[in-house]
């Protein structure tokens, strides 16, 4: 069927491999148990992907507007797992709690305070004093006799 409802991809949700008719084993048994839990499968849980399992998978796929080919692919697994335990899927997401959050104050560089008025006055006098001393030195040297 076209128009299948798509779920967002959940990369952290490990999905079992694709299962198809005539498969056997523990994964098929788990599939049968999941389908039975949802009310789609009433047969024996024997681990064999037979006609009853195929019909249950197709019924589930039709109900979810998925392609009803009877093969349990990643999309079917995802819909099945979310439909059976939606709270369990979201319970694996770690939501922050008060204990998990730490507060680190932001340290902003403070500008240095302006210098005091006395310091500003002294800084202005330094070039004047230097110029005055240079003047006095030249005068002193000019008074000395050359010799």
N, C-alpha and C. Protein backbone atom coordinates (compact mmCIF):
# COMPACT_ATOMS: atom_id res chain seq x y z
N UNK A 1 0.83 -1.19 0.00
CA UNK A 1 0.00 0.00 0.00
C UNK A 1 0.87 1.24 0.00
N UNK A 2 0.53 2.22 -0.78
CA UNK A 2 1.23 3.49 -0.69
C UNK A 2 0.58 4.32 0.39
N UNK A 3 1.23 5.39 0.81
CA UNK A 3 0.69 6.23 1.88
C UNK A 3 0.98 5.64 3.24
N UNK A 4 2.03 4.87 3.35
CA UNK A 4 2.39 4.30 4.65
C UNK A 4 2.82 5.41 5.58
N UNK A 5 2.37 5.31 6.78
CA UNK A 5 2.72 6.29 7.79
C UNK A 5 4.15 6.03 8.23
N UNK A 6 5.00 7.03 8.14
CA UNK A 6 6.40 6.81 8.48
C UNK A 6 6.70 7.34 9.87
N UNK A 7 7.51 6.58 10.58
CA UNK A 7 7.96 7.00 11.89
C UNK A 7 9.34 7.61 11.75
N UNK A 8 9.70 8.49 12.67
CA UNK A 8 11.06 9.01 12.61
C UNK A 8 12.06 7.89 12.86
N UNK A 9 13.20 7.98 12.24
CA UNK A 9 14.23 6.98 12.45
C UNK A 9 14.78 7.11 13.85
N UNK A 10 14.92 6.00 14.53
CA UNK A 10 15.45 5.99 15.88
C UNK A 10 16.77 5.24 15.84
N UNK A 11 17.89 5.94 15.66
CA UNK A 11 19.16 5.25 15.46
C UNK A 11 19.63 4.46 16.67
N UNK A 12 19.20 4.82 17.87
CA UNK A 12 19.66 4.14 19.07
C UNK A 12 18.81 2.92 19.38
N UNK A 13 17.76 2.68 18.59
CA UNK A 13 16.90 1.52 18.82
C UNK A 13 17.42 0.36 17.97
N UNK A 14 18.05 -0.63 18.59
CA UNK A 14 18.55 -1.75 17.80
C UNK A 14 17.39 -2.63 17.34
N UNK A 15 17.27 -2.82 16.04
CA UNK A 15 16.18 -3.60 15.49
C UNK A 15 16.69 -4.99 15.11
N UNK A 16 15.87 -6.02 15.34
CA UNK A 16 16.26 -7.37 14.93
C UNK A 16 16.34 -7.46 13.41
N UNK A 17 16.97 -8.52 12.90
CA UNK A 17 17.08 -8.67 11.44
C UNK A 17 15.72 -8.97 10.80
N UNK A 18 15.66 -8.85 9.50
CA UNK A 18 14.44 -9.12 8.74
C UNK A 18 14.06 -10.59 8.88
N UNK A 19 12.76 -10.82 9.09
CA UNK A 19 12.23 -12.19 9.16
C UNK A 19 11.21 -12.37 8.05
N UNK A 20 11.19 -13.57 7.49
CA UNK A 20 10.28 -13.88 6.38
C UNK A 20 9.69 -15.27 6.59
N UNK A 21 8.62 -15.59 5.85
CA UNK A 21 8.06 -16.94 5.96
C UNK A 21 9.12 -18.02 5.77
N UNK A 22 8.95 -19.09 6.51
CA UNK A 22 9.85 -20.26 6.56
C UNK A 22 11.08 -20.05 7.44
N UNK A 23 11.24 -18.85 8.04
CA UNK A 23 12.32 -18.67 9.01
C UNK A 23 11.93 -19.39 10.30
N UNK A 24 12.92 -19.77 11.05
CA UNK A 24 12.70 -20.46 12.32
C UNK A 24 13.70 -19.95 13.34
N UNK A 25 13.33 -20.08 14.60
CA UNK A 25 14.28 -19.76 15.66
C UNK A 25 13.70 -18.86 16.74
N UNK A 26 14.62 -18.43 17.61
CA UNK A 26 14.23 -17.62 18.77
C UNK A 26 13.63 -16.27 18.38
N UNK A 27 14.18 -15.66 17.33
CA UNK A 27 13.62 -14.37 16.91
C UNK A 27 12.19 -14.50 16.41
N UNK A 28 11.90 -15.59 15.72
CA UNK A 28 10.52 -15.82 15.26
C UNK A 28 9.61 -16.02 16.46
N UNK A 29 10.10 -16.74 17.47
CA UNK A 29 9.31 -16.95 18.68
C UNK A 29 9.02 -15.61 19.37
N UNK A 30 10.03 -14.73 19.43
CA UNK A 30 9.82 -13.41 20.02
C UNK A 30 8.85 -12.59 19.20
N UNK A 31 8.93 -12.72 17.87
CA UNK A 31 7.98 -12.03 17.00
C UNK A 31 6.57 -12.52 17.28
N UNK A 32 6.39 -13.84 17.39
CA UNK A 32 5.06 -14.40 17.66
C UNK A 32 4.54 -13.92 19.01
N UNK A 33 5.42 -13.85 20.01
CA UNK A 33 4.99 -13.36 21.32
C UNK A 33 4.58 -11.89 21.26
N UNK A 34 5.33 -11.08 20.50
CA UNK A 34 4.98 -9.66 20.36
C UNK A 34 3.65 -9.50 19.63
N UNK A 35 3.46 -10.26 18.57
CA UNK A 35 2.19 -10.19 17.83
C UNK A 35 1.04 -10.67 18.70
N UNK A 36 1.27 -11.71 19.51
CA UNK A 36 0.23 -12.20 20.41
C UNK A 36 -0.10 -11.16 21.48
N UNK A 37 0.92 -10.50 21.98
CA UNK A 37 0.71 -9.46 23.00
C UNK A 37 -0.17 -8.35 22.44
N UNK A 38 0.00 -8.02 21.17
CA UNK A 38 -0.82 -6.98 20.56
C UNK A 38 -2.16 -7.47 20.05
N UNK A 39 -2.40 -8.77 20.11
CA UNK A 39 -3.69 -9.31 19.69
C UNK A 39 -3.77 -9.68 18.22
N UNK A 40 -2.63 -9.71 17.52
CA UNK A 40 -2.67 -10.04 16.09
C UNK A 40 -2.41 -11.52 15.83
N UNK A 41 -1.86 -12.24 16.79
CA UNK A 41 -1.49 -13.65 16.58
C UNK A 41 -2.15 -14.50 17.65
N UNK A 42 -2.85 -15.58 17.19
CA UNK A 42 -3.50 -16.48 18.14
C UNK A 42 -2.96 -17.90 18.05
N UNK A 43 -1.99 -18.15 17.21
CA UNK A 43 -1.48 -19.51 17.02
C UNK A 43 -0.50 -19.91 18.11
N UNK A 44 0.10 -21.08 17.89
CA UNK A 44 1.10 -21.60 18.83
C UNK A 44 2.40 -20.83 18.67
N UNK A 45 3.01 -20.53 19.79
CA UNK A 45 4.31 -19.84 19.77
C UNK A 45 5.37 -20.93 19.70
N UNK A 46 5.73 -21.25 18.46
CA UNK A 46 6.61 -22.40 18.23
C UNK A 46 7.92 -22.03 17.55
N UNK A 47 8.12 -20.73 17.21
CA UNK A 47 9.37 -20.31 16.59
C UNK A 47 9.45 -20.62 15.10
N UNK A 48 8.30 -20.94 14.47
CA UNK A 48 8.28 -21.22 13.03
C UNK A 48 7.42 -20.16 12.34
N UNK A 49 8.01 -19.50 11.35
CA UNK A 49 7.31 -18.45 10.60
C UNK A 49 6.46 -19.13 9.53
N UNK A 50 5.27 -19.57 9.94
CA UNK A 50 4.37 -20.27 9.03
C UNK A 50 3.22 -19.38 8.58
N UNK A 51 2.14 -20.03 8.16
CA UNK A 51 0.97 -19.32 7.61
C UNK A 51 0.31 -18.44 8.66
N UNK A 52 0.17 -18.95 9.91
CA UNK A 52 -0.46 -18.14 10.96
C UNK A 52 0.35 -16.88 11.27
N UNK A 53 1.66 -17.04 11.32
CA UNK A 53 2.52 -15.89 11.60
C UNK A 53 2.46 -14.90 10.44
N UNK A 54 2.46 -15.40 9.22
CA UNK A 54 2.38 -14.52 8.05
C UNK A 54 1.09 -13.73 8.06
N UNK A 55 -0.03 -14.40 8.37
CA UNK A 55 -1.33 -13.71 8.43
C UNK A 55 -1.33 -12.65 9.53
N UNK A 56 -0.71 -12.96 10.68
CA UNK A 56 -0.67 -11.99 11.78
C UNK A 56 0.18 -10.78 11.39
N UNK A 57 1.31 -11.03 10.75
CA UNK A 57 2.18 -9.92 10.31
C UNK A 57 1.44 -9.05 9.30
N UNK A 58 0.74 -9.69 8.35
CA UNK A 58 0.00 -8.92 7.34
C UNK A 58 -1.13 -8.11 7.99
N UNK A 59 -1.80 -8.69 8.98
CA UNK A 59 -2.86 -7.96 9.67
C UNK A 59 -2.28 -6.73 10.38
N UNK A 60 -1.14 -6.92 11.02
CA UNK A 60 -0.48 -5.79 11.69
C UNK A 60 -0.09 -4.73 10.68
N UNK A 61 0.53 -5.14 9.58
CA UNK A 61 0.97 -4.19 8.56
C UNK A 61 -0.21 -3.43 7.95
N UNK A 62 -1.33 -4.11 7.73
CA UNK A 62 -2.52 -3.44 7.18
C UNK A 62 -3.05 -2.42 8.17
N UNK A 63 -3.07 -2.79 9.46
CA UNK A 63 -3.57 -1.87 10.48
C UNK A 63 -2.69 -0.62 10.56
N UNK A 64 -1.41 -0.77 10.34
CA UNK A 64 -0.47 0.35 10.43
C UNK A 64 -0.24 1.04 9.09
N UNK A 65 -1.00 0.67 8.06
CA UNK A 65 -0.85 1.25 6.71
C UNK A 65 0.55 1.05 6.15
N UNK A 66 1.11 -0.12 6.42
CA UNK A 66 2.41 -0.50 5.88
C UNK A 66 2.19 -1.44 4.70
N UNK A 67 3.19 -1.60 3.84
CA UNK A 67 3.05 -2.61 2.78
C UNK A 67 2.83 -3.97 3.41
N UNK A 68 1.73 -4.64 3.06
CA UNK A 68 1.36 -5.90 3.73
C UNK A 68 1.92 -7.11 2.98
N UNK A 69 3.23 -7.20 2.93
CA UNK A 69 3.92 -8.29 2.22
C UNK A 69 4.21 -9.48 3.13
N UNK A 70 3.96 -9.35 4.42
CA UNK A 70 4.17 -10.46 5.34
C UNK A 70 5.61 -10.64 5.78
N UNK A 71 6.50 -9.77 5.36
CA UNK A 71 7.90 -9.83 5.76
C UNK A 71 8.13 -8.80 6.85
N UNK A 72 8.81 -9.20 7.91
CA UNK A 72 9.06 -8.29 9.03
C UNK A 72 10.41 -7.60 8.77
N UNK A 73 10.33 -6.44 8.12
CA UNK A 73 11.53 -5.66 7.84
C UNK A 73 11.74 -4.64 8.95
N UNK A 74 12.71 -3.76 8.78
CA UNK A 74 13.03 -2.80 9.85
C UNK A 74 11.87 -1.86 10.14
N UNK A 75 11.12 -1.47 9.11
CA UNK A 75 9.97 -0.58 9.33
C UNK A 75 8.89 -1.30 10.14
N UNK A 76 8.63 -2.54 9.79
CA UNK A 76 7.62 -3.31 10.54
C UNK A 76 8.07 -3.52 11.98
N UNK A 77 9.35 -3.88 12.19
CA UNK A 77 9.87 -4.04 13.55
C UNK A 77 9.69 -2.76 14.35
N UNK A 78 10.03 -1.64 13.73
CA UNK A 78 9.95 -0.36 14.44
C UNK A 78 8.50 -0.07 14.85
N UNK A 79 7.57 -0.24 13.93
CA UNK A 79 6.16 0.00 14.26
C UNK A 79 5.68 -0.98 15.33
N UNK A 80 6.11 -2.22 15.23
CA UNK A 80 5.67 -3.23 16.20
C UNK A 80 6.20 -2.91 17.59
N UNK A 81 7.47 -2.60 17.69
CA UNK A 81 8.06 -2.33 19.00
C UNK A 81 7.48 -1.08 19.64
N UNK A 82 7.26 -0.04 18.83
CA UNK A 82 6.69 1.19 19.38
C UNK A 82 5.22 0.99 19.75
N UNK A 83 4.48 0.20 18.98
CA UNK A 83 3.06 0.00 19.28
C UNK A 83 2.87 -0.81 20.55
N UNK A 84 3.80 -1.70 20.85
CA UNK A 84 3.63 -2.54 22.03
C UNK A 84 4.02 -1.84 23.32
N UNK A 85 5.04 -0.99 23.26
CA UNK A 85 5.50 -0.36 24.50
C UNK A 85 6.04 1.04 24.21
N UNK A 86 5.14 1.98 23.91
CA UNK A 86 5.64 3.31 23.59
C UNK A 86 6.35 3.98 24.76
N UNK A 87 5.87 3.76 25.98
CA UNK A 87 6.52 4.38 27.12
C UNK A 87 7.91 3.78 27.33
N UNK A 88 8.08 2.50 27.02
CA UNK A 88 9.38 1.87 27.18
C UNK A 88 10.41 2.42 26.22
N UNK A 89 9.97 2.78 25.02
CA UNK A 89 10.90 3.37 24.05
C UNK A 89 11.37 4.72 24.55
N UNK A 90 10.44 5.53 25.02
CA UNK A 90 10.81 6.88 25.45
C UNK A 90 11.48 6.87 26.82
N UNK A 91 11.32 5.81 27.57
CA UNK A 91 11.97 5.73 28.88
C UNK A 91 13.49 5.61 28.74
N UNK A 92 13.97 5.20 27.58
CA UNK A 92 15.41 5.07 27.40
C UNK A 92 16.08 6.40 27.12
N UNK A 93 15.29 7.45 26.87
CA UNK A 93 15.87 8.77 26.64
C UNK A 93 16.16 9.40 27.99
N UNK A 94 17.40 9.75 28.28
CA UNK A 94 17.70 10.36 29.58
C UNK A 94 17.29 11.82 29.60
N UNK A 95 16.25 12.12 30.37
CA UNK A 95 15.83 13.50 30.53
C UNK A 95 16.61 14.11 31.68
N UNK A 96 17.06 15.35 31.54
CA UNK A 96 17.86 15.95 32.61
C UNK A 96 17.04 16.18 33.87
N UNK A 97 17.65 15.91 34.97
CA UNK A 97 17.04 16.16 36.28
C UNK A 97 17.88 17.22 36.98
N UNK A 98 17.39 17.68 38.12
CA UNK A 98 18.11 18.70 38.86
C UNK A 98 19.49 18.22 39.28
N UNK A 99 19.61 16.93 39.55
CA UNK A 99 20.90 16.38 39.98
C UNK A 99 21.91 16.34 38.82
N UNK A 100 21.40 16.21 37.59
CA UNK A 100 22.28 16.09 36.44
C UNK A 100 22.81 17.45 35.96
N UNK A 101 22.13 18.52 36.35
CA UNK A 101 22.49 19.84 35.84
C UNK A 101 23.42 20.52 36.84
N UNK A 102 24.53 21.00 36.36
CA UNK A 102 25.45 21.77 37.21
C UNK A 102 25.51 23.18 36.68
N UNK A 103 25.64 24.10 37.59
CA UNK A 103 25.69 25.51 37.22
C UNK A 103 27.12 25.99 37.31
N UNK A 104 27.60 26.53 36.24
CA UNK A 104 28.93 27.12 36.21
C UNK A 104 28.75 28.60 35.92
N UNK A 105 29.11 29.46 36.89
CA UNK A 105 28.91 30.88 36.63
C UNK A 105 29.83 31.36 35.52
N UNK A 106 29.33 32.25 34.74
CA UNK A 106 30.10 32.81 33.65
C UNK A 106 30.95 33.95 34.20
N UNK A 107 32.25 33.84 34.04
CA UNK A 107 33.16 34.88 34.50
C UNK A 107 33.43 35.83 33.34
N UNK A 108 33.02 37.06 33.53
CA UNK A 108 33.20 38.06 32.49
C UNK A 108 34.34 38.97 32.94
N UNK A 109 35.25 39.25 32.05
CA UNK A 109 36.37 40.13 32.39
C UNK A 109 35.84 41.51 32.73
N UNK A 110 36.24 41.99 33.89
CA UNK A 110 35.83 43.32 34.33
C UNK A 110 36.88 44.32 33.89
N UNK A 111 36.47 45.45 33.37
CA UNK A 111 37.48 46.46 33.01
C UNK A 111 38.13 47.01 34.27
N UNK A 112 39.37 47.37 34.15
CA UNK A 112 40.05 47.93 35.32
C UNK A 112 39.46 49.30 35.63
N UNK A 113 39.37 49.62 36.89
CA UNK A 113 38.79 50.93 37.23
C UNK A 113 39.73 52.05 36.75
N UNK A 114 39.18 53.21 36.49
CA UNK A 114 40.04 54.32 36.04
C UNK A 114 41.00 54.72 37.17
N UNK A 115 42.16 55.25 36.81
CA UNK A 115 43.11 55.67 37.84
C UNK A 115 42.58 56.87 38.63
N UNK A 116 43.14 57.04 39.81
CA UNK A 116 42.69 58.15 40.67
C UNK A 116 43.09 59.50 40.05
N UNK A 117 42.39 60.55 40.42
CA UNK A 117 42.73 61.89 39.89
C UNK A 117 44.18 62.31 40.22
N UNK A 118 44.69 61.92 41.38
CA UNK A 118 46.06 62.27 41.74
C UNK A 118 47.04 61.60 40.77
N UNK A 119 46.79 60.35 40.44
CA UNK A 119 47.66 59.64 39.51
C UNK A 119 47.63 60.30 38.14
N UNK A 120 46.47 60.70 37.69
CA UNK A 120 46.36 61.38 36.40
C UNK A 120 47.15 62.69 36.39
N UNK A 121 47.12 63.43 37.51
CA UNK A 121 47.86 64.68 37.61
C UNK A 121 49.37 64.42 37.56
N UNK A 122 49.84 63.42 38.31
CA UNK A 122 51.26 63.09 38.33
C UNK A 122 51.72 62.62 36.95
N UNK A 123 50.92 61.85 36.25
CA UNK A 123 51.29 61.37 34.92
C UNK A 123 51.44 62.54 33.95
N UNK A 124 50.63 63.55 34.12
CA UNK A 124 50.73 64.72 33.24
C UNK A 124 52.00 65.53 33.56
N UNK A 125 52.45 65.50 34.79
CA UNK A 125 53.62 66.27 35.19
C UNK A 125 54.94 65.63 34.78
N UNK A 126 54.96 64.34 34.52
CA UNK A 126 56.21 63.65 34.20
C UNK A 126 56.87 64.24 32.95
N UNK A 127 56.15 64.44 31.82
CA UNK A 127 56.83 65.04 30.67
C UNK A 127 57.30 66.47 30.95
N UNK A 128 56.51 67.21 31.74
CA UNK A 128 56.91 68.58 32.07
C UNK A 128 58.18 68.58 32.90
N UNK A 129 58.23 67.68 33.86
CA UNK A 129 59.42 67.60 34.71
C UNK A 129 60.62 67.16 33.88
N UNK A 130 60.40 66.20 32.97
CA UNK A 130 61.50 65.75 32.11
C UNK A 130 62.00 66.88 31.23
N UNK A 131 61.08 67.65 30.68
CA UNK A 131 61.47 68.79 29.84
C UNK A 131 62.20 69.84 30.66
N UNK A 132 61.71 70.08 31.87
CA UNK A 132 62.37 71.07 32.74
C UNK A 132 63.77 70.63 33.12
N UNK A 133 63.94 69.37 33.43
CA UNK A 133 65.27 68.87 33.79
C UNK A 133 66.23 68.95 32.60
N UNK A 134 65.72 68.65 31.40
CA UNK A 134 66.55 68.73 30.21
C UNK A 134 66.99 70.18 29.97
N UNK A 135 66.08 71.12 30.17
CA UNK A 135 66.38 72.55 30.01
C UNK A 135 67.47 72.96 31.00
N UNK A 136 67.29 72.55 32.24
CA UNK A 136 68.28 72.92 33.27
C UNK A 136 69.64 72.31 32.97
N UNK A 137 69.68 71.11 32.46
CA UNK A 137 70.95 70.48 32.15
C UNK A 137 71.66 71.24 31.03
N UNK A 138 70.91 71.64 29.99
CA UNK A 138 71.53 72.40 28.90
C UNK A 138 72.06 73.77 29.39
N UNK A 139 71.30 74.38 30.25
CA UNK A 139 71.76 75.67 30.79
C UNK A 139 73.00 75.51 31.64
N UNK A 140 73.01 74.47 32.41
CA UNK A 140 74.14 74.21 33.28
C UNK A 140 75.40 73.95 32.45
N UNK A 141 75.22 73.16 31.37
CA UNK A 141 76.37 72.87 30.52
C UNK A 141 76.83 74.11 29.76
N UNK A 142 75.93 74.98 29.43
CA UNK A 142 76.33 76.18 28.69
C UNK A 142 77.04 77.17 29.60
N UNK A 143 76.90 77.16 30.90
CA UNK A 143 77.56 78.05 31.81
C UNK A 143 78.97 77.57 32.12
N UNK A 144 79.21 76.30 31.98
CA UNK A 144 80.53 75.77 32.28
C UNK A 144 81.49 76.28 31.22
N UNK A 145 82.64 76.64 31.64
CA UNK A 145 83.61 77.06 30.63
C UNK A 145 84.09 75.89 29.82
N UNK A 146 84.25 76.09 28.58
CA UNK A 146 84.73 75.05 27.66
C UNK A 146 86.21 74.90 27.86
N UNK A 147 86.60 73.77 28.07
CA UNK A 147 87.96 73.82 28.20
C UNK A 147 88.87 72.81 28.25
